Amino acid sequence: QVQLVESGGGLVQAGGSLRVSCKANGSFFSIRGMGWYRQAPGKGNRVLVAAITSEGDTNYEDSVKGRFTISRDDADNTVYLQMNGLNSEDTAVYYCYAQIRRSSWDSNTYSYWGQGTQVTVSS
């Protein structure tokens, strides 16, 4: 049983910064990767923003490169997304994502989603 709990969303002025967090709670063997997707107002699809693997490799959407930084705290099973230089295009619901191995005897990984946290950038 795994649950991803997000926090840190809110309202911020253009040019400002915000940090969102996602903590994986429950019983599981390991986290293979975590990341953030976002869904902008009026758009039905979730777009990958940033991801980090268990090895520490990171990937970013082109529009956020140089502005956003994804990091992790393995001891706390938490992933962070530091968002700097925010603009109106960043307004969206941000969803945490995790790929998790649930037990030592099951090598499969399973996908989990957070509940989403609203980030609104005023212009």
PDB file of N, CA and C in Angstrom:
ATOM      1  N   GLN A   1       0.837  -1.171   0.000  1.00  0.00           N
ATOM      2  CA  GLN A   1       0.000   0.000   0.000  1.00  0.00           C
ATOM      3  C   GLN A   1       0.888   1.242   0.000  1.00  0.00           C
ATOM      4  N   VAL A   2       0.709   2.078  -1.014  1.00  0.00           N
ATOM      5  CA  VAL A   2       1.530   3.263  -1.179  1.00  0.00           C
ATOM      6  C   VAL A   2       0.633   4.460  -1.446  1.00  0.00           C
ATOM      7  N   GLN A   3       1.006   5.569  -0.860  1.00  0.00           N
ATOM      8  CA  GLN A   3       0.296   6.812  -1.097  1.00  0.00           C
ATOM      9  C   GLN A   3       1.301   7.940  -1.250  1.00  0.00           C
ATOM     10  N   LEU A   4       1.111   8.750  -2.270  1.00  0.00           N
ATOM     11  CA  LEU A   4       1.959   9.907  -2.499  1.00  0.00           C
ATOM     12  C   LEU A   4       1.239  11.145  -1.997  1.00  0.00           C
ATOM     13  N   VAL A   5       1.882  11.859  -1.094  1.00  0.00           N
ATOM     14  CA  VAL A   5       1.290  13.032  -0.477  1.00  0.00           C
ATOM     15  C   VAL A   5       2.060  14.264  -0.923  1.00  0.00           C
ATOM     16  N   GLU A   6       1.365  15.177  -1.575  1.00  0.00           N
ATOM     17  CA  GLU A   6       1.974  16.380  -2.097  1.00  0.00           C
ATOM     18  C   GLU A   6       1.694  17.575  -1.197  1.00  0.00           C
ATOM     19  N   SER A   7       2.585  18.537  -1.244  1.00  0.00           N
ATOM     20  CA  SER A   7       2.402  19.774  -0.509  1.00  0.00           C
ATOM     21  C   SER A   7       3.239  20.869  -1.152  1.00  0.00           C
ATOM     22  N   GLY A   8       2.930  22.113  -0.811  1.00  0.00           N
ATOM     23  CA  GLY A   8       3.748  23.233  -1.235  1.00  0.00           C
ATOM     24  C   GLY A   8       3.187  24.087  -2.350  1.00  0.00           C
ATOM     25  N   GLY A   9       2.073  23.696  -2.914  1.00  0.00           N
ATOM     26  CA  GLY A   9       1.479  24.504  -3.958  1.00  0.00           C
ATOM     27  C   GLY A   9       0.897  25.787  -3.401  1.00  0.00           C
ATOM     28  N   GLY A  10       0.583  26.694  -4.298  1.00  0.00           N
ATOM     29  CA  GLY A  10       0.001  27.947  -3.875  1.00  0.00           C
ATOM     30  C   GLY A  10       0.065  28.999  -4.951  1.00  0.00           C
ATOM     31  N   LEU A  11      -0.120  30.230  -4.529  1.00  0.00           N
ATOM     32  CA  LEU A  11      -0.125  31.386  -5.416  1.00  0.00           C
ATOM     33  C   LEU A  11       1.193  32.131  -5.295  1.00  0.00           C
ATOM     34  N   VAL A  12       1.770  32.479  -6.424  1.00  0.00           N
ATOM     35  CA  VAL A  12       3.035  33.189  -6.437  1.00  0.00           C
ATOM     36  C   VAL A  12       3.033  34.194  -7.577  1.00  0.00           C
ATOM     37  N   GLN A  13       3.725  35.300  -7.388  1.00  0.00           N
ATOM     38  CA  GLN A  13       3.826  36.306  -8.431  1.00  0.00           C
ATOM     39  C   GLN A  13       4.807  35.880  -9.506  1.00  0.00           C
ATOM     40  N   ALA A  14       4.598  36.382 -10.699  1.00  0.00           N
ATOM     41  CA  ALA A  14       5.514  36.105 -11.796  1.00  0.00           C
ATOM     42  C   ALA A  14       6.926  36.514 -11.409  1.00  0.00           C
ATOM     43  N   GLY A  15       7.870  35.654 -11.725  1.00  0.00           N
ATOM     44  CA  GLY A  15       9.253  35.876 -11.353  1.00  0.00           C
ATOM     45  C   GLY A  15       9.623  35.300 -10.011  1.00  0.00           C
ATOM     46  N   GLY A  16       8.645  34.858  -9.268  1.00  0.00           N
ATOM     47  CA  GLY A  16       8.885  34.319  -7.951  1.00  0.00           C
ATOM     48  C   GLY A  16       9.239  32.848  -7.978  1.00  0.00           C
ATOM     49  N   SER A  17       9.320  32.282  -6.784  1.00  0.00           N
ATOM     50  CA  SER A  17       9.730  30.895  -6.628  1.00  0.00           C
ATOM     51  C   SER A  17       8.754  30.137  -5.749  1.00  0.00           C
ATOM     52  N   LEU A  18       8.753  28.844  -5.940  1.00  0.00           N
ATOM     53  CA  LEU A  18       7.909  27.967  -5.158  1.00  0.00           C
ATOM     54  C   LEU A  18       8.561  26.594  -5.122  1.00  0.00           C
ATOM     55  N   ARG A  19       8.360  25.896  -4.032  1.00  0.00           N
ATOM     56  CA  ARG A  19       8.890  24.551  -3.890  1.00  0.00           C
ATOM     57  C   ARG A  19       7.769  23.596  -3.504  1.00  0.00           C
ATOM     58  N   VAL A  20       7.580  22.585  -4.319  1.00  0.00           N
ATOM     59  CA  VAL A  20       6.585  21.571  -4.023  1.00  0.00           C
ATOM     60  C   VAL A  20       7.282  20.291  -3.595  1.00  0.00           C
ATOM     61  N   SER A  21       6.602  19.540  -2.740  1.00  0.00           N
ATOM     62  CA  SER A  21       7.164  18.325  -2.177  1.00  0.00           C
ATOM     63  C   SER A  21       6.210  17.167  -2.384  1.00  0.00           C
ATOM     64  N   CYS A  22       6.778  15.985  -2.415  1.00  0.00           N
ATOM     65  CA  CYS A  22       5.977  14.774  -2.535  1.00  0.00           C
ATOM     66  C   CYS A  22       6.640  13.674  -1.727  1.00  0.00           C
ATOM     67  N   LYS A  23       5.913  13.135  -0.789  1.00  0.00           N
ATOM     68  CA  LYS A  23       6.431  12.089   0.074  1.00  0.00           C
ATOM     69  C   LYS A  23       5.676  10.789  -0.173  1.00  0.00           C
ATOM     70  N   ALA A  24       6.409   9.719  -0.339  1.00  0.00           N
ATOM     71  CA  ALA A  24       5.823   8.398  -0.511  1.00  0.00           C
ATOM     72  C   ALA A  24       5.652   7.735   0.846  1.00  0.00           C
ATOM     73  N   ASN A  25       4.409   7.458   1.188  1.00  0.00           N
ATOM     74  CA  ASN A  25       4.095   6.794   2.447  1.00  0.00           C
ATOM     75  C   ASN A  25       3.607   5.381   2.196  1.00  0.00           C
ATOM     76  N   GLY A  26       3.791   4.528   3.196  1.00  0.00           N
ATOM     77  CA  GLY A  26       3.332   3.158   3.099  1.00  0.00           C
ATOM     78  C   GLY A  26       4.477   2.172   3.100  1.00  0.00           C
ATOM     79  N   SER A  27       4.153   0.941   2.772  1.00  0.00           N
ATOM     80  CA  SER A  27       5.145  -0.126   2.749  1.00  0.00           C
ATOM     81  C   SER A  27       5.514  -0.456   1.311  1.00  0.00           C
ATOM     82  N   PHE A  28       6.795  -0.445   1.031  1.00  0.00           N
ATOM     83  CA  PHE A  28       7.297  -0.779  -0.287  1.00  0.00           C
ATOM     84  C   PHE A  28       8.776  -1.110  -0.165  1.00  0.00           C
ATOM     85  N   PHE A  29       9.301  -1.716  -1.209  1.00  0.00           N
ATOM     86  CA  PHE A  29      10.694  -2.142  -1.182  1.00  0.00           C
ATOM     87  C   PHE A  29      11.644  -1.014  -1.562  1.00  0.00           C
ATOM     88  N   SER A  30      11.353  -0.355  -2.666  1.00  0.00           N
ATOM     89  CA  SER A  30      12.230   0.714  -3.117  1.00  0.00           C
ATOM     90  C   SER A  30      11.498   1.596  -4.121  1.00  0.00           C
ATOM     91  N   ILE A  31      12.026   2.788  -4.290  1.00  0.00           N
ATOM     92  CA  ILE A  31      11.523   3.723  -5.279  1.00  0.00           C
ATOM     93  C   ILE A  31      12.510   3.777  -6.430  1.00  0.00           C
ATOM     94  N   ARG A  32      12.060   3.436  -7.594  1.00  0.00           N
ATOM     95  CA  ARG A  32      12.930   3.432  -8.763  1.00  0.00           C
ATOM     96  C   ARG A  32      13.062   4.814  -9.389  1.00  0.00           C
ATOM     97  N   GLY A  33      12.013   5.575  -9.314  1.00  0.00           N
ATOM     98  CA  GLY A  33      12.053   6.907  -9.868  1.00  0.00           C
ATOM     99  C   GLY A  33      10.864   7.730  -9.408  1.00  0.00           C
ATOM    100  N   MET A  34      11.054   9.025  -9.388  1.00  0.00           N
ATOM    101  CA  MET A  34       9.978   9.934  -9.035  1.00  0.00           C
ATOM    102  C   MET A  34      10.042  11.134  -9.961  1.00  0.00           C
ATOM    103  N   GLY A  35       8.919  11.793 -10.098  1.00  0.00           N
ATOM    104  CA  GLY A  35       8.897  12.946 -10.962  1.00  0.00           C
ATOM    105  C   GLY A  35       7.650  13.773 -10.781  1.00  0.00           C
ATOM    106  N   TRP A  36       7.574  14.799 -11.608  1.00  0.00           N
ATOM    107  CA  TRP A  36       6.459  15.722 -11.584  1.00  0.00           C
ATOM    108  C   TRP A  36       5.889  15.911 -12.969  1.00  0.00           C
ATOM    109  N   TYR A  37       4.589  15.809 -13.069  1.00  0.00           N
ATOM    110  CA  TYR A  37       3.839  16.156 -14.258  1.00  0.00           C
ATOM    111  C   TYR A  37       2.956  17.353 -13.933  1.00  0.00           C
ATOM    112  N   ARG A  38       2.511  18.025 -14.975  1.00  0.00           N
ATOM    113  CA  ARG A  38       1.578  19.118 -14.750  1.00  0.00           C
ATOM    114  C   ARG A  38       0.502  19.124 -15.821  1.00  0.00           C
ATOM    115  N   GLN A  39      -0.636  19.640 -15.429  1.00  0.00           N
ATOM    116  CA  GLN A  39      -1.775  19.765 -16.319  1.00  0.00           C
ATOM    117  C   GLN A  39      -2.258  21.207 -16.253  1.00  0.00           C
ATOM    118  N   ALA A  40      -2.100  21.918 -17.344  1.00  0.00           N
ATOM    119  CA  ALA A  40      -2.464  23.324 -17.398  1.00  0.00           C
ATOM    120  C   ALA A  40      -3.973  23.476 -17.527  1.00  0.00           C
ATOM    121  N   PRO A  41      -4.496  24.637 -17.135  1.00  0.00           N
ATOM    122  CA  PRO A  41      -5.937  24.866 -17.255  1.00  0.00           C
ATOM    123  C   PRO A  41      -6.420  24.706 -18.683  1.00  0.00           C
ATOM    124  N   GLY A  42      -7.513  24.000 -18.840  1.00  0.00           N
ATOM    125  CA  GLY A  42      -8.099  23.815 -20.153  1.00  0.00           C
ATOM    126  C   GLY A  42      -7.441  22.763 -21.012  1.00  0.00           C
ATOM    127  N   LYS A  43      -6.464  22.090 -20.478  1.00  0.00           N
ATOM    128  CA  LYS A  43      -5.778  21.041 -21.218  1.00  0.00           C
ATOM    129  C   LYS A  43      -5.960  19.712 -20.507  1.00  0.00           C
ATOM    130  N   GLY A  44      -6.234  18.688 -21.286  1.00  0.00           N
ATOM    131  CA  GLY A  44      -6.581  17.407 -20.707  1.00  0.00           C
ATOM    132  C   GLY A  44      -5.433  16.473 -20.426  1.00  0.00           C
ATOM    133  N   ASN A  45      -4.259  16.764 -20.969  1.00  0.00           N
ATOM    134  CA  ASN A  45      -3.147  15.848 -20.815  1.00  0.00           C
ATOM    135  C   ASN A  45      -2.148  16.348 -19.790  1.00  0.00           C
ATOM    136  N   ARG A  46      -1.543  15.398 -19.130  1.00  0.00           N
ATOM    137  CA  ARG A  46      -0.466  15.712 -18.205  1.00  0.00           C
ATOM    138  C   ARG A  46       0.870  15.635 -18.927  1.00  0.00           C
ATOM    139  N   VAL A  47       1.692  16.636 -18.708  1.00  0.00           N
ATOM    140  CA  VAL A  47       2.980  16.741 -19.373  1.00  0.00           C
ATOM    141  C   VAL A  47       4.093  16.581 -18.346  1.00  0.00           C
ATOM    142  N   LEU A  48       5.082  15.803 -18.699  1.00  0.00           N
ATOM    143  CA  LEU A  48       6.226  15.621 -17.809  1.00  0.00           C
ATOM    144  C   LEU A  48       6.979  16.928 -17.629  1.00  0.00           C
ATOM    145  N   VAL A  49       7.246  17.274 -16.392  1.00  0.00           N
ATOM    146  CA  VAL A  49       8.010  18.467 -16.063  1.00  0.00           C
ATOM    147  C   VAL A  49       9.444  18.107 -15.719  1.00  0.00           C
ATOM    148  N   ALA A  50       9.598  17.175 -14.812  1.00  0.00           N
ATOM    149  CA  ALA A  50      10.923  16.762 -14.370  1.00  0.00           C
ATOM    150  C   ALA A  50      10.837  15.382 -13.758  1.00  0.00           C
ATOM    151  N   ALA A  51      11.922  14.645 -13.851  1.00  0.00           N
ATOM    152  CA  ALA A  51      11.974  13.309 -13.279  1.00  0.00           C
ATOM    153  C   ALA A  51      13.377  13.026 -12.788  1.00  0.00           C
ATOM    154  N   ILE A  52      13.456  12.166 -11.799  1.00  0.00           N
ATOM    155  CA  ILE A  52      14.749  11.752 -11.265  1.00  0.00           C
ATOM    156  C   ILE A  52      14.692  10.260 -10.977  1.00  0.00           C
ATOM    157  N   THR A  53      15.720   9.553 -11.392  1.00  0.00           N
ATOM    158  CA  THR A  53      15.781   8.118 -11.189  1.00  0.00           C
ATOM    159  C   THR A  53      16.464   7.800  -9.874  1.00  0.00           C
ATOM    160  N   SER A  54      16.440   6.525  -9.516  1.00  0.00           N
ATOM    161  CA  SER A  54      17.119   6.095  -8.301  1.00  0.00           C
ATOM    162  C   SER A  54      18.620   6.285  -8.390  1.00  0.00           C
ATOM    163  N   GLU A  55      19.144   6.343  -9.606  1.00  0.00           N
ATOM    164  CA  GLU A  55      20.567   6.572  -9.814  1.00  0.00           C
ATOM    165  C   GLU A  55      20.929   8.056  -9.776  1.00  0.00           C
ATOM    166  N   GLY A  56      19.931   8.913  -9.741  1.00  0.00           N
ATOM    167  CA  GLY A  56      20.180  10.337  -9.698  1.00  0.00           C
ATOM    168  C   GLY A  56      20.121  11.040 -11.034  1.00  0.00           C
ATOM    169  N   ASP A  57      19.824  10.322 -12.094  1.00  0.00           N
ATOM    170  CA  ASP A  57      19.690  10.948 -13.406  1.00  0.00           C
ATOM    171  C   ASP A  57      18.416  11.779 -13.460  1.00  0.00           C
ATOM    172  N   THR A  58      18.514  12.930 -14.085  1.00  0.00           N
ATOM    173  CA  THR A  58      17.375  13.831 -14.158  1.00  0.00           C
ATOM    174  C   THR A  58      17.015  14.155 -15.596  1.00  0.00           C
ATOM    175  N   ASN A  59      15.752  14.450 -15.798  1.00  0.00           N
ATOM    176  CA  ASN A  59      15.246  14.901 -17.080  1.00  0.00           C
ATOM    177  C   ASN A  59      14.279  16.045 -16.849  1.00  0.00           C
ATOM    178  N   TYR A  60      14.324  17.018 -17.745  1.00  0.00           N
ATOM    179  CA  TYR A  60      13.473  18.190 -17.628  1.00  0.00           C
ATOM    180  C   TYR A  60      12.798  18.501 -18.945  1.00  0.00           C
ATOM    181  N   GLU A  61      11.596  19.019 -18.836  1.00  0.00           N
ATOM    182  CA  GLU A  61      10.945  19.588 -19.992  1.00  0.00           C
ATOM    183  C   GLU A  61      11.747  20.803 -20.452  1.00  0.00           C
ATOM    184  N   ASP A  62      11.818  21.012 -21.748  1.00  0.00           N
ATOM    185  CA  ASP A  62      12.630  22.099 -22.281  1.00  0.00           C
ATOM    186  C   ASP A  62      12.252  23.463 -21.698  1.00  0.00           C
ATOM    187  N   SER A  63      10.985  23.688 -21.493  1.00  0.00           N
ATOM    188  CA  SER A  63      10.534  24.995 -21.049  1.00  0.00           C
ATOM    189  C   SER A  63      10.933  25.324 -19.618  1.00  0.00           C
ATOM    190  N   VAL A  64      11.333  24.325 -18.844  1.00  0.00           N
ATOM    191  CA  VAL A  64      11.686  24.570 -17.452  1.00  0.00           C
ATOM    192  C   VAL A  64      13.169  24.410 -17.179  1.00  0.00           C
ATOM    193  N   LYS A  65      13.935  24.015 -18.166  1.00  0.00           N
ATOM    194  CA  LYS A  65      15.367  23.848 -17.974  1.00  0.00           C
ATOM    195  C   LYS A  65      16.015  25.166 -17.567  1.00  0.00           C
ATOM    196  N   GLY A  66      16.834  25.092 -16.551  1.00  0.00           N
ATOM    197  CA  GLY A  66      17.478  26.279 -16.031  1.00  0.00           C
ATOM    198  C   GLY A  66      16.666  27.021 -14.999  1.00  0.00           C
ATOM    199  N   ARG A  67      15.404  26.691 -14.876  1.00  0.00           N
ATOM    200  CA  ARG A  67      14.535  27.340 -13.900  1.00  0.00           C
ATOM    201  C   ARG A  67      14.091  26.398 -12.785  1.00  0.00           C
ATOM    202  N   PHE A  68      13.838  25.158 -13.138  1.00  0.00           N
ATOM    203  CA  PHE A  68      13.358  24.170 -12.175  1.00  0.00           C
ATOM    204  C   PHE A  68      14.469  23.193 -11.831  1.00  0.00           C
ATOM    205  N   THR A  69      14.452  22.731 -10.606  1.00  0.00           N
ATOM    206  CA  THR A  69      15.407  21.733 -10.155  1.00  0.00           C
ATOM    207  C   THR A  69      14.681  20.652  -9.374  1.00  0.00           C
ATOM    208  N   ILE A  70      14.858  19.418  -9.789  1.00  0.00           N
ATOM    209  CA  ILE A  70      14.278  18.300  -9.065  1.00  0.00           C
ATOM    210  C   ILE A  70      15.354  17.666  -8.199  1.00  0.00           C
ATOM    211  N   SER A  71      14.973  17.291  -7.002  1.00  0.00           N
ATOM    212  CA  SER A  71      15.902  16.660  -6.082  1.00  0.00           C
ATOM    213  C   SER A  71      15.154  15.635  -5.246  1.00  0.00           C
ATOM    214  N   ARG A  72      15.890  14.853  -4.516  1.00  0.00           N
ATOM    215  CA  ARG A  72      15.272  13.813  -3.710  1.00  0.00           C
ATOM    216  C   ARG A  72      15.968  13.682  -2.369  1.00  0.00           C
ATOM    217  N   ASP A  73      15.220  13.176  -1.409  1.00  0.00           N
ATOM    218  CA  ASP A  73      15.735  12.828  -0.097  1.00  0.00           C
ATOM    219  C   ASP A  73      15.377  11.365   0.114  1.00  0.00           C
ATOM    220  N   ASP A  74      16.326  10.488  -0.147  1.00  0.00           N
ATOM    221  CA  ASP A  74      16.049   9.058  -0.085  1.00  0.00           C
ATOM    222  C   ASP A  74      15.654   8.593   1.316  1.00  0.00           C
ATOM    223  N   ALA A  75      16.262   9.186   2.332  1.00  0.00           N
ATOM    224  CA  ALA A  75      15.958   8.784   3.694  1.00  0.00           C
ATOM    225  C   ALA A  75      14.521   9.083   4.075  1.00  0.00           C
ATOM    226  N   ASP A  76      13.938  10.083   3.431  1.00  0.00           N
ATOM    227  CA  ASP A  76      12.583  10.491   3.745  1.00  0.00           C
ATOM    228  C   ASP A  76      11.590  10.118   2.646  1.00  0.00           C
ATOM    229  N   ASN A  77      12.067   9.420   1.621  1.00  0.00           N
ATOM    230  CA  ASN A  77      11.216   9.017   0.498  1.00  0.00           C
ATOM    231  C   ASN A  77      10.467  10.204  -0.098  1.00  0.00           C
ATOM    232  N   THR A  78      11.198  11.271  -0.297  1.00  0.00           N
ATOM    233  CA  THR A  78      10.590  12.519  -0.723  1.00  0.00           C
ATOM    234  C   THR A  78      11.300  13.076  -1.946  1.00  0.00           C
ATOM    235  N   VAL A  79      10.524  13.620  -2.845  1.00  0.00           N
ATOM    236  CA  VAL A  79      11.058  14.312  -3.999  1.00  0.00           C
ATOM    237  C   VAL A  79      10.583  15.757  -3.957  1.00  0.00           C
ATOM    238  N   TYR A  80      11.442  16.663  -4.396  1.00  0.00           N
ATOM    239  CA  TYR A  80      11.141  18.079  -4.389  1.00  0.00           C
ATOM    240  C   TYR A  80      11.262  18.645  -5.793  1.00  0.00           C
ATOM    241  N   LEU A  81      10.521  19.683  -6.037  1.00  0.00           N
ATOM    242  CA  LEU A  81      10.666  20.441  -7.265  1.00  0.00           C
ATOM    243  C   LEU A  81      10.780  21.909  -6.902  1.00  0.00           C
ATOM    244  N   GLN A  82      11.976  22.447  -7.046  1.00  0.00           N
ATOM    245  CA  GLN A  82      12.215  23.860  -6.812  1.00  0.00           C
ATOM    246  C   GLN A  82      11.957  24.605  -8.105  1.00  0.00           C
ATOM    247  N   MET A  83      11.025  25.531  -8.071  1.00  0.00           N
ATOM    248  CA  MET A  83      10.612  26.257  -9.252  1.00  0.00           C
ATOM    249  C   MET A  83      10.966  27.724  -9.091  1.00  0.00           C
ATOM    250  N   ASN A  84      11.861  28.192  -9.933  1.00  0.00           N
ATOM    251  CA  ASN A  84      12.294  29.579  -9.919  1.00  0.00           C
ATOM    252  C   ASN A  84      11.896  30.259 -11.216  1.00  0.00           C
ATOM    253  N   GLY A  85      11.864  31.572 -11.167  1.00  0.00           N
ATOM    254  CA  GLY A  85      11.517  32.329 -12.353  1.00  0.00           C
ATOM    255  C   GLY A  85      10.172  31.941 -12.936  1.00  0.00           C
ATOM    256  N   LEU A  86       9.191  31.779 -12.088  1.00  0.00           N
ATOM    257  CA  LEU A  86       7.880  31.313 -12.531  1.00  0.00           C
ATOM    258  C   LEU A  86       7.184  32.343 -13.418  1.00  0.00           C
ATOM    259  N   ASN A  87       6.465  31.855 -14.393  1.00  0.00           N
ATOM    260  CA  ASN A  87       5.662  32.701 -15.254  1.00  0.00           C
ATOM    261  C   ASN A  87       4.274  32.096 -15.396  1.00  0.00           C
ATOM    262  N   SER A  88       3.408  32.823 -16.079  1.00  0.00           N
ATOM    263  CA  SER A  88       2.021  32.395 -16.185  1.00  0.00           C
ATOM    264  C   SER A  88       1.872  31.040 -16.866  1.00  0.00           C
ATOM    265  N   GLU A  89       2.807  30.695 -17.715  1.00  0.00           N
ATOM    266  CA  GLU A  89       2.744  29.412 -18.406  1.00  0.00           C
ATOM    267  C   GLU A  89       2.966  28.236 -17.463  1.00  0.00           C
ATOM    268  N   ASP A  90       3.463  28.518 -16.279  1.00  0.00           N
ATOM    269  CA  ASP A  90       3.692  27.461 -15.300  1.00  0.00           C
ATOM    270  C   ASP A  90       2.459  27.171 -14.456  1.00  0.00           C
ATOM    271  N   THR A  91       1.435  27.966 -14.599  1.00  0.00           N
ATOM    272  CA  THR A  91       0.204  27.728 -13.855  1.00  0.00           C
ATOM    273  C   THR A  91      -0.396  26.392 -14.267  1.00  0.00           C
ATOM    274  N   ALA A  92      -0.586  25.532 -13.289  1.00  0.00           N
ATOM    275  CA  ALA A  92      -1.081  24.191 -13.575  1.00  0.00           C
ATOM    276  C   ALA A  92      -1.288  23.443 -12.269  1.00  0.00           C
ATOM    277  N   VAL A  93      -1.935  22.308 -12.384  1.00  0.00           N
ATOM    278  CA  VAL A  93      -1.954  21.357 -11.291  1.00  0.00           C
ATOM    279  C   VAL A  93      -0.749  20.445 -11.470  1.00  0.00           C
ATOM    280  N   TYR A  94       0.047  20.356 -10.446  1.00  0.00           N
ATOM    281  CA  TYR A  94       1.257  19.555 -10.499  1.00  0.00           C
ATOM    282  C   TYR A  94       1.023  18.225  -9.800  1.00  0.00           C
ATOM    283  N   TYR A  95       1.326  17.150 -10.508  1.00  0.00           N
ATOM    284  CA  TYR A  95       1.102  15.802 -10.004  1.00  0.00           C
ATOM    285  C   TYR A  95       2.423  15.092  -9.780  1.00  0.00           C
ATOM    286  N   CYS A  96       2.560  14.553  -8.614  1.00  0.00           N
ATOM    287  CA  CYS A  96       3.715  13.731  -8.312  1.00  0.00           C
ATOM    288  C   CYS A  96       3.517  12.331  -8.878  1.00  0.00           C
ATOM    289  N   TYR A  97       4.597  11.762  -9.347  1.00  0.00           N
ATOM    290  CA  TYR A  97       4.576  10.422  -9.922  1.00  0.00           C
ATOM    291  C   TYR A  97       5.722   9.614  -9.340  1.00  0.00           C
ATOM    292  N   ALA A  98       5.462   8.344  -9.099  1.00  0.00           N
ATOM    293  CA  ALA A  98       6.507   7.469  -8.593  1.00  0.00           C
ATOM    294  C   ALA A  98       6.395   6.094  -9.218  1.00  0.00           C
ATOM    295  N   GLN A  99       7.534   5.524  -9.514  1.00  0.00           N
ATOM    296  CA  GLN A  99       7.632   4.149  -9.972  1.00  0.00           C
ATOM    297  C   GLN A  99       8.265   3.355  -8.837  1.00  0.00           C
ATOM    298  N   ILE A 100       7.507   2.405  -8.300  1.00  0.00           N
ATOM    299  CA  ILE A 100       7.866   1.782  -7.033  1.00  0.00           C
ATOM    300  C   ILE A 100       7.895   0.264  -7.147  1.00  0.00           C
ATOM    301  N   ARG A 101       8.928  -0.316  -6.584  1.00  0.00           N
ATOM    302  CA  ARG A 101       8.996  -1.757  -6.388  1.00  0.00           C
ATOM    303  C   ARG A 101       8.418  -2.049  -5.019  1.00  0.00           C
ATOM    304  N   ARG A 102       7.422  -2.897  -4.968  1.00  0.00           N
ATOM    305  CA  ARG A 102       6.657  -3.071  -3.751  1.00  0.00           C
ATOM    306  C   ARG A 102       7.199  -4.108  -2.783  1.00  0.00           C
ATOM    307  N   SER A 103       7.950  -5.072  -3.263  1.00  0.00           N
ATOM    308  CA  SER A 103       8.481  -6.095  -2.379  1.00  0.00           C
ATOM    309  C   SER A 103       9.782  -6.644  -2.936  1.00  0.00           C
ATOM    310  N   SER A 104      10.521  -7.326  -2.069  1.00  0.00           N
ATOM    311  CA  SER A 104      11.803  -7.884  -2.469  1.00  0.00           C
ATOM    312  C   SER A 104      11.651  -9.063  -3.416  1.00  0.00           C
ATOM    313  N   TRP A 105      10.514  -9.739  -3.392  1.00  0.00           N
ATOM    314  CA  TRP A 105      10.301 -10.917  -4.214  1.00  0.00           C
ATOM    315  C   TRP A 105       9.553 -10.634  -5.511  1.00  0.00           C
ATOM    316  N   ASP A 106       9.132  -9.414  -5.689  1.00  0.00           N
ATOM    317  CA  ASP A 106       8.459  -8.996  -6.906  1.00  0.00           C
ATOM    318  C   ASP A 106       9.292  -7.898  -7.546  1.00  0.00           C
ATOM    319  N   SER A 107       9.930  -8.220  -8.658  1.00  0.00           N
ATOM    320  CA  SER A 107      10.820  -7.269  -9.306  1.00  0.00           C
ATOM    321  C   SER A 107      10.093  -6.238 -10.156  1.00  0.00           C
ATOM    322  N   ASN A 108       8.800  -6.389 -10.321  1.00  0.00           N
ATOM    323  CA  ASN A 108       8.024  -5.428 -11.092  1.00  0.00           C
ATOM    324  C   ASN A 108       7.929  -4.092 -10.371  1.00  0.00           C
ATOM    325  N   THR A 109       7.802  -3.046 -11.157  1.00  0.00           N
ATOM    326  CA  THR A 109       7.550  -1.725 -10.599  1.00  0.00           C
ATOM    327  C   THR A 109       6.127  -1.300 -10.925  1.00  0.00           C
ATOM    328  N   TYR A 110       5.581  -0.477 -10.068  1.00  0.00           N
ATOM    329  CA  TYR A 110       4.206  -0.044 -10.194  1.00  0.00           C
ATOM    330  C   TYR A 110       4.131   1.471 -10.135  1.00  0.00           C
ATOM    331  N   SER A 111       3.178   2.014 -10.855  1.00  0.00           N
ATOM    332  CA  SER A 111       3.032   3.458 -10.961  1.00  0.00           C
ATOM    333  C   SER A 111       2.040   3.988  -9.944  1.00  0.00           C
ATOM    334  N   TYR A 112       2.400   5.116  -9.351  1.00  0.00           N
ATOM    335  CA  TYR A 112       1.532   5.786  -8.390  1.00  0.00           C
ATOM    336  C   TYR A 112       1.495   7.273  -8.695  1.00  0.00           C
ATOM    337  N   TRP A 113       0.367   7.865  -8.410  1.00  0.00           N
ATOM    338  CA  TRP A 113       0.158   9.291  -8.627  1.00  0.00           C
ATOM    339  C   TRP A 113      -0.266   9.978  -7.342  1.00  0.00           C
ATOM    340  N   GLY A 114       0.221  11.186  -7.164  1.00  0.00           N
ATOM    341  CA  GLY A 114      -0.247  12.015  -6.073  1.00  0.00           C
ATOM    342  C   GLY A 114      -1.580  12.644  -6.408  1.00  0.00           C
ATOM    343  N   GLN A 115      -2.142  13.341  -5.439  1.00  0.00           N
ATOM    344  CA  GLN A 115      -3.471  13.924  -5.623  1.00  0.00           C
ATOM    345  C   GLN A 115      -3.453  15.212  -6.441  1.00  0.00           C
ATOM    346  N   GLY A 116      -2.295  15.775  -6.645  1.00  0.00           N
ATOM    347  CA  GLY A 116      -2.160  17.021  -7.371  1.00  0.00           C
ATOM    348  C   GLY A 116      -2.150  18.218  -6.442  1.00  0.00           C
ATOM    349  N   THR A 117      -1.324  19.188  -6.759  1.00  0.00           N
ATOM    350  CA  THR A 117      -1.281  20.430  -6.000  1.00  0.00           C
ATOM    351  C   THR A 117      -1.294  21.601  -6.978  1.00  0.00           C
ATOM    352  N   GLN A 118      -2.123  22.583  -6.682  1.00  0.00           N
ATOM    353  CA  GLN A 118      -2.319  23.709  -7.581  1.00  0.00           C
ATOM    354  C   GLN A 118      -1.194  24.723  -7.422  1.00  0.00           C
ATOM    355  N   VAL A 119      -0.615  25.110  -8.542  1.00  0.00           N
ATOM    356  CA  VAL A 119       0.352  26.195  -8.592  1.00  0.00           C
ATOM    357  C   VAL A 119      -0.207  27.267  -9.510  1.00  0.00           C
ATOM    358  N   THR A 120      -0.401  28.448  -8.972  1.00  0.00           N
ATOM    359  CA  THR A 120      -0.945  29.555  -9.739  1.00  0.00           C
ATOM    360  C   THR A 120       0.042  30.710  -9.728  1.00  0.00           C
ATOM    361  N   VAL A 121       0.388  31.179 -10.908  1.00  0.00           N
ATOM    362  CA  VAL A 121       1.330  32.281 -11.060  1.00  0.00           C
ATOM    363  C   VAL A 121       0.563  33.500 -11.545  1.00  0.00           C
ATOM    364  N   SER A 122       0.565  34.546 -10.757  1.00  0.00           N
ATOM    365  CA  SER A 122      -0.120  35.774 -11.128  1.00  0.00           C
ATOM    366  C   SER A 122       0.747  36.596 -12.070  1.00  0.00           C
ATOM    367  N   SER A 123       0.101  37.316 -12.975  1.00  0.00           N
ATOM    368  CA  SER A 123       0.818  38.109 -13.959  1.00  0.00           C
ATOM    369  C   SER A 123       0.361  39.549 -13.970  1.00  0.00           C
TER     370      SER A 123
END
